[in-house]
Amino acid sequence: MLQFITHPSAKISIPEQVRLAIEGGCRWIQLRMKDATDAQVAAMAEEIIPLCRETGTILVIDDRVEVVMQTKVHGVHLGKNDMDPAKAREYLGPHAIIGCTANTAADILALAPLDIDYIGLGPFRFTETKKNLSPVLGLEGYRKIIDEVRAAGCQLPIVAIGGIEPADVPALLDAGVNGIAISGAIINSPDPAATVASILS
């Protein structure tokens, strides 16, 4: 399970990023435009929805619950300072995908009783695509956290995020994550579609 996260880039527009990720086989996109207005995010979502629709690709939007409601995309990813997940569920209904950010086992176990679909756990290492970065976990951090939450009976899918390179994927899967979220390593590669295909394989 690979989630591609968009990021503003001088080299490659967001619709082009999405097109190349889908071309490489990715079927899960997170539209993240931290410094944009809701109107700009909604306009971008409308532009990429047809690409996602014709390939059966899941599209979630970072943070903007109102935009998710307006554009009727699949769901939302909520950071730690975004809307309360229970409130988001109330607004978006039972079928929306809701993902939440976590940095510790305690974060995950606090979220576990809520009606959410996955956890974005990170950061794996330092990343420039994220401001206000939480402490870096590294491979050992993932192992410890996943062991702890699974021992506590929490089976929420966990997606690793934050500065991940294609070469990191096997070890992260071995540490017990259920999916990988990547942004920069795909956008900045010379051939994004080929990079996506190699990550998936």
Foldseek 3Di string as FASTA:
>chain_A
DEEEEEFDDPVAHRLRLLLLLVLLPAQEYEYEDPPDDLVVSLVVCVVNVVVNVVSVHAYEYEQDLVSCVVNVGQAYEYEPPGDDQQVSCVSNDDRHAYEYEDAALVRCVVCQVHPHAAYAYADCDADPRDPPDDDGQHLVNLLVSVVVNVVVVRDHAYEYHHPDALVCLVSNVVSPHPYYYDYVNLVPDPRNSNRSNSSVD
